[in-house]
Amino acid sequence: MKLKMSLIGAAAVVLGACGTAPLNKDAILLEGPPVSDITTPYDRAIACLAQFDIDPSIISVGAITDETGKESFSEGGNGKFVTQGAGDIVQTALVQSGVATVVNRRDPRVIITELQWGIRDASTLIPADFFVTGSINTIDFIPGGGGEVVIAGVGGKYRQFRALVGLDLALSNTTTGEVVAVTALKKQIVADEVGANVSRFFGTTLVNIDLGTQQREAMQFALRGMLYFAAFDLLSQLYGEQVGAACRGEIDLLESAGSAVEPSPAV
């Protein structure tokens, strides 16, 4: 018994030492994968719009808010469930489309300050023809299924989890306030867990081995895809059915593969 406790104590000391560095030296930083450009499954549909000879409208992006009301600060939660930067993502999608002149209204404080200081003439600013607003307003956690079987100390388990995310965006005429295009999208975010467990006595010693893996779709990246789809949908409505239909094929390919965002039946 004393030998077992000594071995456990020694292992704890060794494992603890592996994650520390001398106090008078910098710790070695772990390097993960390199930085890369962000791409979504809907980039091709967005880029497709640029092939048309379209006189770009001037568009700005207003508030796209988190209206889900869902937060988590317990059990490892880190606050908001959904991104608070949806407006910036839509602005990026509009710029990448090549068929919109985008004026930045995401943070007007610099422009307002320079106007107040008298070093900027308001007449030089480009007015927007249209602006985008909306919200991410749905996140429902759907009960998942699963099962676990243990026979003679040997077992396996499987569990599945899902969350339903929805958003609504609108494109409005800046002069009149008229809503000229709307889009409502939903997507199910999926996750699953697979595990195996073995518990056996070797003499009087119980050995327990527990193995498992979890897979979870990245919610914020999925939301980026939804927002790109929404930007594409708004531009398609703005520039006409013919333009949207010509590029819709890129999204149809995703739908046939079972990885696309679903438009709301109400749209």
C-alpha atoms as a PDB file:
ATOM      1  CA  MET A   1       0.000   0.000   0.000  1.00  0.00           C
ATOM      2  CA  LYS A   2       2.828   2.377   0.893  1.00  0.00           C
ATOM      3  CA  LEU A   3       4.520   1.554  -2.421  1.00  0.00           C
ATOM      4  CA  LYS A   4       1.346   2.368  -4.366  1.00  0.00           C
ATOM      5  CA  MET A   5       0.939   5.701  -2.612  1.00  0.00           C
ATOM      6  CA  SER A   6       4.595   6.510  -3.240  1.00  0.00           C
ATOM      7  CA  LEU A   7       4.210   5.763  -6.956  1.00  0.00           C
ATOM      8  CA  ILE A   8       1.086   7.897  -7.204  1.00  0.00           C
ATOM      9  CA  GLY A   9       2.812  10.764  -5.422  1.00  0.00           C
ATOM     10  CA  ALA A  10       5.869  10.524  -7.652  1.00  0.00           C
ATOM     11  CA  ALA A  11       3.692  10.511 -10.780  1.00  0.00           C
ATOM     12  CA  ALA A  12       1.860  13.628  -9.577  1.00  0.00           C
ATOM     13  CA  VAL A  13       5.170  15.431  -9.025  1.00  0.00           C
ATOM     14  CA  VAL A  14       6.459  14.454 -12.479  1.00  0.00           C
ATOM     15  CA  LEU A  15       3.244  15.497 -14.235  1.00  0.00           C
ATOM     16  CA  GLY A  16       3.231  18.795 -12.373  1.00  0.00           C
ATOM     17  CA  ALA A  17       6.825  19.496 -13.327  1.00  0.00           C
ATOM     18  CA  CYS A  18       6.054  18.888 -17.007  1.00  0.00           C
ATOM     19  CA  GLY A  19       3.858  21.995 -17.144  1.00  0.00           C
ATOM     20  CA  THR A  20       6.152  24.374 -15.296  1.00  0.00           C
ATOM     21  CA  ALA A  21       9.243  26.426 -16.124  1.00  0.00           C
ATOM     22  CA  PRO A  22      11.937  27.933 -13.875  1.00  0.00           C
ATOM     23  CA  LEU A  23      10.607  31.076 -12.235  1.00  0.00           C
ATOM     24  CA  ASN A  24      13.417  33.181 -13.720  1.00  0.00           C
ATOM     25  CA  LYS A  25      12.692  32.074 -17.338  1.00  0.00           C
ATOM     26  CA  ASP A  26       9.814  32.428 -19.781  1.00  0.00           C
ATOM     27  CA  ALA A  27       7.663  29.362 -20.240  1.00  0.00           C
ATOM     28  CA  ILE A  28       7.840  27.730 -23.653  1.00  0.00           C
ATOM     29  CA  LEU A  29       4.685  28.621 -25.570  1.00  0.00           C
ATOM     30  CA  LEU A  30       2.798  25.907 -27.385  1.00  0.00           C
ATOM     31  CA  GLU A  31       2.481  26.524 -31.124  1.00  0.00           C
ATOM     32  CA  GLY A  32      -0.654  25.243 -32.804  1.00  0.00           C
ATOM     33  CA  PRO A  33      -1.685  25.367 -36.472  1.00  0.00           C
ATOM     34  CA  PRO A  34      -0.648  28.466 -38.455  1.00  0.00           C
ATOM     35  CA  VAL A  35      -2.873  31.506 -39.008  1.00  0.00           C
ATOM     36  CA  SER A  36      -5.007  31.178 -42.134  1.00  0.00           C
ATOM     37  CA  ASP A  37      -7.723  33.026 -44.033  1.00  0.00           C
ATOM     38  CA  ILE A  38     -11.292  32.342 -42.963  1.00  0.00           C
ATOM     39  CA  THR A  39     -13.401  30.707 -45.664  1.00  0.00           C
ATOM     40  CA  THR A  40     -16.965  29.427 -45.479  1.00  0.00           C
ATOM     41  CA  PRO A  41     -18.947  27.032 -47.692  1.00  0.00           C
ATOM     42  CA  TYR A  42     -20.790  30.091 -49.074  1.00  0.00           C
ATOM     43  CA  ASP A  43     -17.765  32.049 -50.328  1.00  0.00           C
ATOM     44  CA  ARG A  44     -18.219  30.650 -53.843  1.00  0.00           C
ATOM     45  CA  ALA A  45     -21.829  31.844 -53.992  1.00  0.00           C
ATOM     46  CA  ILE A  46     -20.784  35.306 -52.763  1.00  0.00           C
ATOM     47  CA  ALA A  47     -17.927  35.490 -55.298  1.00  0.00           C
ATOM     48  CA  CYS A  48     -20.251  34.339 -58.101  1.00  0.00           C
ATOM     49  CA  LEU A  49     -22.166  37.626 -57.919  1.00  0.00           C
ATOM     50  CA  ALA A  50     -19.117  39.575 -59.097  1.00  0.00           C
ATOM     51  CA  GLN A  51     -19.375  38.104 -62.622  1.00  0.00           C
ATOM     52  CA  PHE A  52     -22.449  40.229 -63.351  1.00  0.00           C
ATOM     53  CA  ASP A  53     -22.252  43.748 -64.700  1.00  0.00           C
ATOM     54  CA  ILE A  54     -24.032  45.398 -61.776  1.00  0.00           C
ATOM     55  CA  ASP A  55     -23.892  49.034 -60.769  1.00  0.00           C
ATOM     56  CA  PRO A  56     -22.949  48.571 -57.090  1.00  0.00           C
ATOM     57  CA  SER A  57     -25.328  49.991 -54.540  1.00  0.00           C
ATOM     58  CA  ILE A  58     -23.870  51.744 -51.526  1.00  0.00           C
ATOM     59  CA  ILE A  59     -24.610  49.663 -48.442  1.00  0.00           C
ATOM     60  CA  SER A  60     -23.809  50.029 -44.752  1.00  0.00           C
ATOM     61  CA  VAL A  61     -24.286  47.570 -41.907  1.00  0.00           C
ATOM     62  CA  GLY A  62     -26.133  48.647 -38.798  1.00  0.00           C
ATOM     63  CA  ALA A  63     -26.852  46.708 -35.638  1.00  0.00           C
ATOM     64  CA  ILE A  64     -27.112  42.930 -35.882  1.00  0.00           C
ATOM     65  CA  THR A  65     -27.756  41.992 -32.297  1.00  0.00           C
ATOM     66  CA  ASP A  66     -27.831  38.872 -30.147  1.00  0.00           C
ATOM     67  CA  GLU A  67     -31.474  38.539 -29.096  1.00  0.00           C
ATOM     68  CA  THR A  68     -31.325  34.917 -27.983  1.00  0.00           C
ATOM     69  CA  GLY A  69     -31.173  35.819 -24.300  1.00  0.00           C
ATOM     70  CA  LYS A  70     -28.953  32.781 -23.724  1.00  0.00           C
ATOM     71  CA  GLU A  71     -25.841  33.057 -21.547  1.00  0.00           C
ATOM     72  CA  SER A  72     -23.855  30.641 -19.417  1.00  0.00           C
ATOM     73  CA  PHE A  73     -21.489  31.524 -16.603  1.00  0.00           C
ATOM     74  CA  SER A  74     -21.527  28.221 -14.718  1.00  0.00           C
ATOM     75  CA  GLU A  75     -20.107  24.780 -15.401  1.00  0.00           C
ATOM     76  CA  GLY A  76     -17.370  26.128 -17.636  1.00  0.00           C
ATOM     77  CA  GLY A  77     -19.617  28.572 -19.522  1.00  0.00           C
ATOM     78  CA  ASN A  78     -18.012  31.725 -20.879  1.00  0.00           C
ATOM     79  CA  GLY A  79     -20.905  34.139 -21.306  1.00  0.00           C
ATOM     80  CA  LYS A  80     -22.802  34.631 -24.554  1.00  0.00           C
ATOM     81  CA  PHE A  81     -23.545  31.563 -26.619  1.00  0.00           C
ATOM     82  CA  VAL A  82     -23.453  33.370 -29.979  1.00  0.00           C
ATOM     83  CA  THR A  83     -21.038  35.840 -31.553  1.00  0.00           C
ATOM     84  CA  GLN A  84     -21.390  39.536 -30.758  1.00  0.00           C
ATOM     85  CA  GLY A  85     -19.608  40.472 -34.008  1.00  0.00           C
ATOM     86  CA  ALA A  86     -22.297  39.515 -36.520  1.00  0.00           C
ATOM     87  CA  GLY A  87     -22.327  42.982 -38.100  1.00  0.00           C
ATOM     88  CA  ASP A  88     -18.622  42.834 -38.868  1.00  0.00           C
ATOM     89  CA  ILE A  89     -19.042  39.406 -40.499  1.00  0.00           C
ATOM     90  CA  VAL A  90     -21.852  40.674 -42.752  1.00  0.00           C
ATOM     91  CA  GLN A  91     -19.763  43.703 -43.678  1.00  0.00           C
ATOM     92  CA  THR A  92     -16.890  41.427 -44.730  1.00  0.00           C
ATOM     93  CA  ALA A  93     -19.270  39.317 -46.833  1.00  0.00           C
ATOM     94  CA  LEU A  94     -20.628  42.410 -48.596  1.00  0.00           C
ATOM     95  CA  VAL A  95     -17.124  43.652 -49.428  1.00  0.00           C
ATOM     96  CA  GLN A  96     -16.101  40.222 -50.730  1.00  0.00           C
ATOM     97  CA  SER A  97     -19.162  40.072 -52.983  1.00  0.00           C
ATOM     98  CA  GLY A  98     -17.723  42.753 -55.270  1.00  0.00           C
ATOM     99  CA  VAL A  99     -21.209  44.047 -56.110  1.00  0.00           C
ATOM    100  CA  ALA A 100     -21.620  46.501 -53.235  1.00  0.00           C
ATOM    101  CA  THR A 101     -19.823  49.675 -52.296  1.00  0.00           C
ATOM    102  CA  VAL A 102     -19.630  49.341 -48.532  1.00  0.00           C
ATOM    103  CA  VAL A 103     -19.414  52.398 -46.284  1.00  0.00           C
ATOM    104  CA  ASN A 104     -18.289  51.702 -42.740  1.00  0.00           C
ATOM    105  CA  ARG A 105     -20.868  52.597 -40.145  1.00  0.00           C
ATOM    106  CA  ARG A 106     -19.793  49.939 -37.652  1.00  0.00           C
ATOM    107  CA  ASP A 107     -18.034  52.516 -35.440  1.00  0.00           C
ATOM    108  CA  PRO A 108     -18.693  56.123 -36.460  1.00  0.00           C
ATOM    109  CA  ARG A 109     -16.829  57.648 -33.500  1.00  0.00           C
ATOM    110  CA  VAL A 110     -13.702  58.527 -35.492  1.00  0.00           C
ATOM    111  CA  ILE A 111     -15.725  60.258 -38.222  1.00  0.00           C
ATOM    112  CA  ILE A 112     -17.920  62.058 -35.683  1.00  0.00           C
ATOM    113  CA  THR A 113     -14.859  63.219 -33.704  1.00  0.00           C
ATOM    114  CA  GLU A 114     -13.153  64.594 -36.816  1.00  0.00           C
ATOM    115  CA  LEU A 115     -16.358  66.390 -37.822  1.00  0.00           C
ATOM    116  CA  GLN A 116     -16.591  67.912 -34.336  1.00  0.00           C
ATOM    117  CA  TRP A 117     -12.957  68.999 -34.501  1.00  0.00           C
ATOM    118  CA  GLY A 118     -13.639  70.723 -37.802  1.00  0.00           C
ATOM    119  CA  ILE A 119     -10.953  68.797 -39.696  1.00  0.00           C
ATOM    120  CA  ARG A 120     -13.472  66.901 -41.819  1.00  0.00           C
ATOM    121  CA  ASP A 121     -16.207  68.185 -44.138  1.00  0.00           C
ATOM    122  CA  ALA A 122     -19.426  66.186 -43.844  1.00  0.00           C
ATOM    123  CA  SER A 123     -20.137  66.743 -47.524  1.00  0.00           C
ATOM    124  CA  THR A 124     -17.206  64.475 -48.438  1.00  0.00           C
ATOM    125  CA  LEU A 125     -18.806  61.457 -46.746  1.00  0.00           C
ATOM    126  CA  ILE A 126     -20.535  58.929 -49.003  1.00  0.00           C
ATOM    127  CA  PRO A 127     -24.200  58.438 -48.053  1.00  0.00           C
ATOM    128  CA  ALA A 128     -25.542  54.885 -48.019  1.00  0.00           C
ATOM    129  CA  ASP A 129     -28.351  53.800 -50.321  1.00  0.00           C
ATOM    130  CA  PHE A 130     -29.256  50.815 -48.145  1.00  0.00           C
ATOM    131  CA  PHE A 131     -28.433  49.457 -44.703  1.00  0.00           C
ATOM    132  CA  VAL A 132     -28.563  45.998 -43.127  1.00  0.00           C
ATOM    133  CA  THR A 133     -30.004  45.342 -39.677  1.00  0.00           C
ATOM    134  CA  GLY A 134     -31.287  42.288 -37.863  1.00  0.00           C
ATOM    135  CA  SER A 135     -30.648  39.829 -35.087  1.00  0.00           C
ATOM    136  CA  ILE A 136     -29.622  36.327 -34.156  1.00  0.00           C
ATOM    137  CA  ASN A 137     -32.787  35.504 -32.269  1.00  0.00           C
ATOM    138  CA  THR A 138     -33.069  31.746 -31.823  1.00  0.00           C
ATOM    139  CA  ILE A 139     -30.959  29.190 -30.024  1.00  0.00           C
ATOM    140  CA  ASP A 140     -32.824  26.112 -28.837  1.00  0.00           C
ATOM    141  CA  PHE A 141     -31.000  23.171 -27.309  1.00  0.00           C
ATOM    142  CA  ILE A 142     -32.631  20.016 -28.643  1.00  0.00           C
ATOM    143  CA  PRO A 143     -32.572  16.910 -26.438  1.00  0.00           C
ATOM    144  CA  GLY A 144     -30.342  14.308 -28.018  1.00  0.00           C
ATOM    145  CA  GLY A 145     -30.402  10.547 -28.011  1.00  0.00           C
ATOM    146  CA  GLY A 146     -27.875   7.983 -26.918  1.00  0.00           C
ATOM    147  CA  GLY A 147     -27.244   4.738 -25.155  1.00  0.00           C
ATOM    148  CA  GLU A 148     -24.797   2.856 -22.959  1.00  0.00           C
ATOM    149  CA  VAL A 149     -24.206  -0.869 -22.594  1.00  0.00           C
ATOM    150  CA  VAL A 150     -21.964  -2.572 -20.000  1.00  0.00           C
ATOM    151  CA  ILE A 151     -21.442  -6.336 -19.912  1.00  0.00           C
ATOM    152  CA  ALA A 152     -19.040  -7.971 -17.471  1.00  0.00           C
ATOM    153  CA  GLY A 153     -17.255  -4.714 -16.859  1.00  0.00           C
ATOM    154  CA  VAL A 154     -16.824  -3.894 -20.558  1.00  0.00           C
ATOM    155  CA  GLY A 155     -19.045  -1.286 -22.145  1.00  0.00           C
ATOM    156  CA  GLY A 156     -19.545   1.428 -24.712  1.00  0.00           C
ATOM    157  CA  LYS A 157     -21.677   4.545 -25.015  1.00  0.00           C
ATOM    158  CA  TYR A 158     -22.887   7.025 -27.622  1.00  0.00           C
ATOM    159  CA  ARG A 159     -24.667  10.362 -27.194  1.00  0.00           C
ATOM    160  CA  GLN A 160     -25.811  13.015 -29.655  1.00  0.00           C
ATOM    161  CA  PHE A 161     -26.580  16.682 -28.994  1.00  0.00           C
ATOM    162  CA  ARG A 162     -28.113  19.407 -31.182  1.00  0.00           C
ATOM    163  CA  ALA A 163     -28.826  23.126 -31.047  1.00  0.00           C
ATOM    164  CA  LEU A 164     -31.085  25.056 -33.429  1.00  0.00           C
ATOM    165  CA  VAL A 165     -29.892  28.561 -34.373  1.00  0.00           C
ATOM    166  CA  GLY A 166     -31.982  31.110 -36.288  1.00  0.00           C
ATOM    167  CA  LEU A 167     -31.518  34.673 -37.531  1.00  0.00           C
ATOM    168  CA  ASP A 168     -33.395  37.394 -39.418  1.00  0.00           C
ATOM    169  CA  LEU A 169     -31.788  40.165 -41.470  1.00  0.00           C
ATOM    170  CA  ALA A 170     -33.391  43.033 -43.386  1.00  0.00           C
ATOM    171  CA  LEU A 171     -32.089  45.374 -46.092  1.00  0.00           C
ATOM    172  CA  SER A 172     -33.719  48.803 -45.898  1.00  0.00           C
ATOM    173  CA  ASN A 173     -33.728  51.882 -48.115  1.00  0.00           C
ATOM    174  CA  THR A 174     -31.880  54.637 -46.267  1.00  0.00           C
ATOM    175  CA  THR A 175     -33.922  57.438 -47.873  1.00  0.00           C
ATOM    176  CA  THR A 176     -37.388  56.055 -47.261  1.00  0.00           C
ATOM    177  CA  GLY A 177     -36.872  53.421 -44.575  1.00  0.00           C
ATOM    178  CA  GLU A 178     -38.632  50.847 -46.769  1.00  0.00           C
ATOM    179  CA  VAL A 179     -37.561  47.243 -46.225  1.00  0.00           C
ATOM    180  CA  VAL A 180     -36.574  46.003 -49.692  1.00  0.00           C
ATOM    181  CA  ALA A 181     -35.301  42.525 -48.814  1.00  0.00           C
ATOM    182  CA  VAL A 182     -35.476  40.120 -45.870  1.00  0.00           C
ATOM    183  CA  THR A 183     -33.950  36.744 -45.089  1.00  0.00           C
ATOM    184  CA  ALA A 184     -34.689  34.263 -42.298  1.00  0.00           C
ATOM    185  CA  LEU A 185     -32.324  31.330 -41.846  1.00  0.00           C
ATOM    186  CA  LYS A 186     -31.965  28.379 -39.494  1.00  0.00           C
ATOM    187  CA  LYS A 187     -29.342  25.714 -38.905  1.00  0.00           C
ATOM    188  CA  GLN A 188     -28.919  22.782 -36.554  1.00  0.00           C
ATOM    189  CA  ILE A 189     -25.545  22.623 -34.813  1.00  0.00           C
ATOM    190  CA  VAL A 190     -24.581  19.018 -34.074  1.00  0.00           C
ATOM    191  CA  ALA A 191     -22.292  17.270 -31.598  1.00  0.00           C
ATOM    192  CA  ASP A 192     -21.744  13.690 -30.524  1.00  0.00           C
ATOM    193  CA  GLU A 193     -19.763  11.666 -28.005  1.00  0.00           C
ATOM    194  CA  VAL A 194     -18.439   8.108 -28.235  1.00  0.00           C
ATOM    195  CA  GLY A 195     -16.833   6.263 -25.330  1.00  0.00           C
ATOM    196  CA  ALA A 196     -15.675   2.879 -24.094  1.00  0.00           C
ATOM    197  CA  ASN A 197     -15.013   1.650 -20.574  1.00  0.00           C
ATOM    198  CA  VAL A 198     -13.300  -1.432 -19.154  1.00  0.00           C
ATOM    199  CA  SER A 199     -13.271  -2.281 -15.449  1.00  0.00           C
ATOM    200  CA  ARG A 200     -11.495  -5.458 -14.366  1.00  0.00           C
ATOM    201  CA  PHE A 201      -9.925  -6.896 -11.231  1.00  0.00           C
ATOM    202  CA  PHE A 202      -6.357  -8.135 -11.567  1.00  0.00           C
ATOM    203  CA  GLY A 203      -6.026 -10.107  -8.373  1.00  0.00           C
ATOM    204  CA  THR A 204      -7.203  -7.685  -5.723  1.00  0.00           C
ATOM    205  CA  THR A 205      -6.451  -4.613  -7.839  1.00  0.00           C
ATOM    206  CA  LEU A 206      -9.249  -2.896  -9.747  1.00  0.00           C
ATOM    207  CA  VAL A 207      -8.156  -1.410 -13.087  1.00  0.00           C
ATOM    208  CA  ASN A 208     -10.527   1.039 -14.763  1.00  0.00           C
ATOM    209  CA  ILE A 209      -9.857   2.250 -18.333  1.00  0.00           C
ATOM    210  CA  ASP A 210     -12.145   4.930 -19.747  1.00  0.00           C
ATOM    211  CA  LEU A 211     -11.676   6.127 -23.339  1.00  0.00           C
ATOM    212  CA  GLY A 212     -13.767   8.499 -25.383  1.00  0.00           C
ATOM    213  CA  THR A 213     -13.935  11.207 -27.997  1.00  0.00           C
ATOM    214  CA  GLN A 214     -16.215  14.154 -28.638  1.00  0.00           C
ATOM    215  CA  GLN A 215     -17.007  15.961 -31.862  1.00  0.00           C
ATOM    216  CA  ARG A 216     -18.793  19.300 -31.931  1.00  0.00           C
ATOM    217  CA  GLU A 217     -19.555  21.591 -34.830  1.00  0.00           C
ATOM    218  CA  ALA A 218     -18.036  25.025 -34.233  1.00  0.00           C
ATOM    219  CA  MET A 219     -21.057  27.198 -33.452  1.00  0.00           C
ATOM    220  CA  GLN A 220     -19.483  30.583 -34.215  1.00  0.00           C
ATOM    221  CA  PHE A 221     -18.061  29.345 -37.513  1.00  0.00           C
ATOM    222  CA  ALA A 222     -21.482  27.922 -38.418  1.00  0.00           C
ATOM    223  CA  LEU A 223     -22.988  31.324 -37.624  1.00  0.00           C
ATOM    224  CA  ARG A 224     -20.454  32.949 -39.952  1.00  0.00           C
ATOM    225  CA  GLY A 225     -21.681  30.646 -42.712  1.00  0.00           C
ATOM    226  CA  MET A 226     -25.288  31.598 -41.942  1.00  0.00           C
ATOM    227  CA  LEU A 227     -24.436  35.307 -42.098  1.00  0.00           C
ATOM    228  CA  TYR A 228     -22.622  34.857 -45.433  1.00  0.00           C
ATOM    229  CA  PHE A 229     -25.659  33.015 -46.781  1.00  0.00           C
ATOM    230  CA  ALA A 230     -27.873  35.847 -45.486  1.00  0.00           C
ATOM    231  CA  ALA A 231     -25.707  38.491 -47.195  1.00  0.00           C
ATOM    232  CA  PHE A 232     -25.897  36.526 -50.453  1.00  0.00           C
ATOM    233  CA  ASP A 233     -29.677  36.232 -50.136  1.00  0.00           C
ATOM    234  CA  LEU A 234     -30.145  39.966 -49.510  1.00  0.00           C
ATOM    235  CA  LEU A 235     -27.948  40.904 -52.481  1.00  0.00           C
ATOM    236  CA  SER A 236     -29.783  38.407 -54.691  1.00  0.00           C
ATOM    237  CA  GLN A 237     -33.113  40.020 -53.824  1.00  0.00           C
ATOM    238  CA  LEU A 238     -31.704  43.515 -54.301  1.00  0.00           C
ATOM    239  CA  TYR A 239     -30.250  42.870 -57.755  1.00  0.00           C
ATOM    240  CA  GLY A 240     -32.998  40.637 -59.090  1.00  0.00           C
ATOM    241  CA  GLU A 241     -34.072  37.033 -59.300  1.00  0.00           C
ATOM    242  CA  GLN A 242     -31.956  36.370 -62.401  1.00  0.00           C
ATOM    243  CA  VAL A 243     -28.720  37.234 -60.572  1.00  0.00           C
ATOM    244  CA  GLY A 244     -29.618  35.179 -57.520  1.00  0.00           C
ATOM    245  CA  ALA A 245     -30.735  32.158 -59.539  1.00  0.00           C
ATOM    246  CA  ALA A 246     -27.485  32.094 -61.519  1.00  0.00           C
ATOM    247  CA  CYS A 247     -25.392  31.820 -58.346  1.00  0.00           C
ATOM    248  CA  ARG A 248     -27.822  29.740 -56.335  1.00  0.00           C
ATOM    249  CA  GLY A 249     -26.333  26.639 -57.930  1.00  0.00           C
ATOM    250  CA  GLU A 250     -23.287  26.977 -55.676  1.00  0.00           C
ATOM    251  CA  ILE A 251     -25.548  26.658 -52.640  1.00  0.00           C
ATOM    252  CA  ASP A 252     -27.594  23.862 -54.223  1.00  0.00           C
ATOM    253  CA  LEU A 253     -24.385  21.819 -54.350  1.00  0.00           C
ATOM    254  CA  LEU A 254     -24.034  22.253 -50.577  1.00  0.00           C
ATOM    255  CA  GLU A 255     -27.668  21.326 -50.004  1.00  0.00           C
ATOM    256  CA  SER A 256     -27.252  18.132 -52.003  1.00  0.00           C
ATOM    257  CA  ALA A 257     -24.274  17.290 -49.786  1.00  0.00           C
ATOM    258  CA  GLY A 258     -26.398  17.932 -46.682  1.00  0.00           C
ATOM    259  CA  SER A 259     -24.277  20.778 -45.274  1.00  0.00           C
ATOM    260  CA  ALA A 260     -26.228  23.895 -46.146  1.00  0.00           C
ATOM    261  CA  VAL A 261     -28.183  26.394 -44.086  1.00  0.00           C
ATOM    262  CA  GLU A 262     -31.942  26.077 -44.543  1.00  0.00           C
ATOM    263  CA  PRO A 263     -34.023  29.135 -45.408  1.00  0.00           C
ATOM    264  CA  SER A 264     -37.114  29.536 -43.285  1.00  0.00           C
ATOM    265  CA  PRO A 265     -40.283  28.218 -44.960  1.00  0.00           C
ATOM    266  CA  ALA A 266     -41.783  31.661 -44.331  1.00  0.00           C
ATOM    267  CA  VAL A 267     -39.297  33.344 -46.664  1.00  0.00           C
END
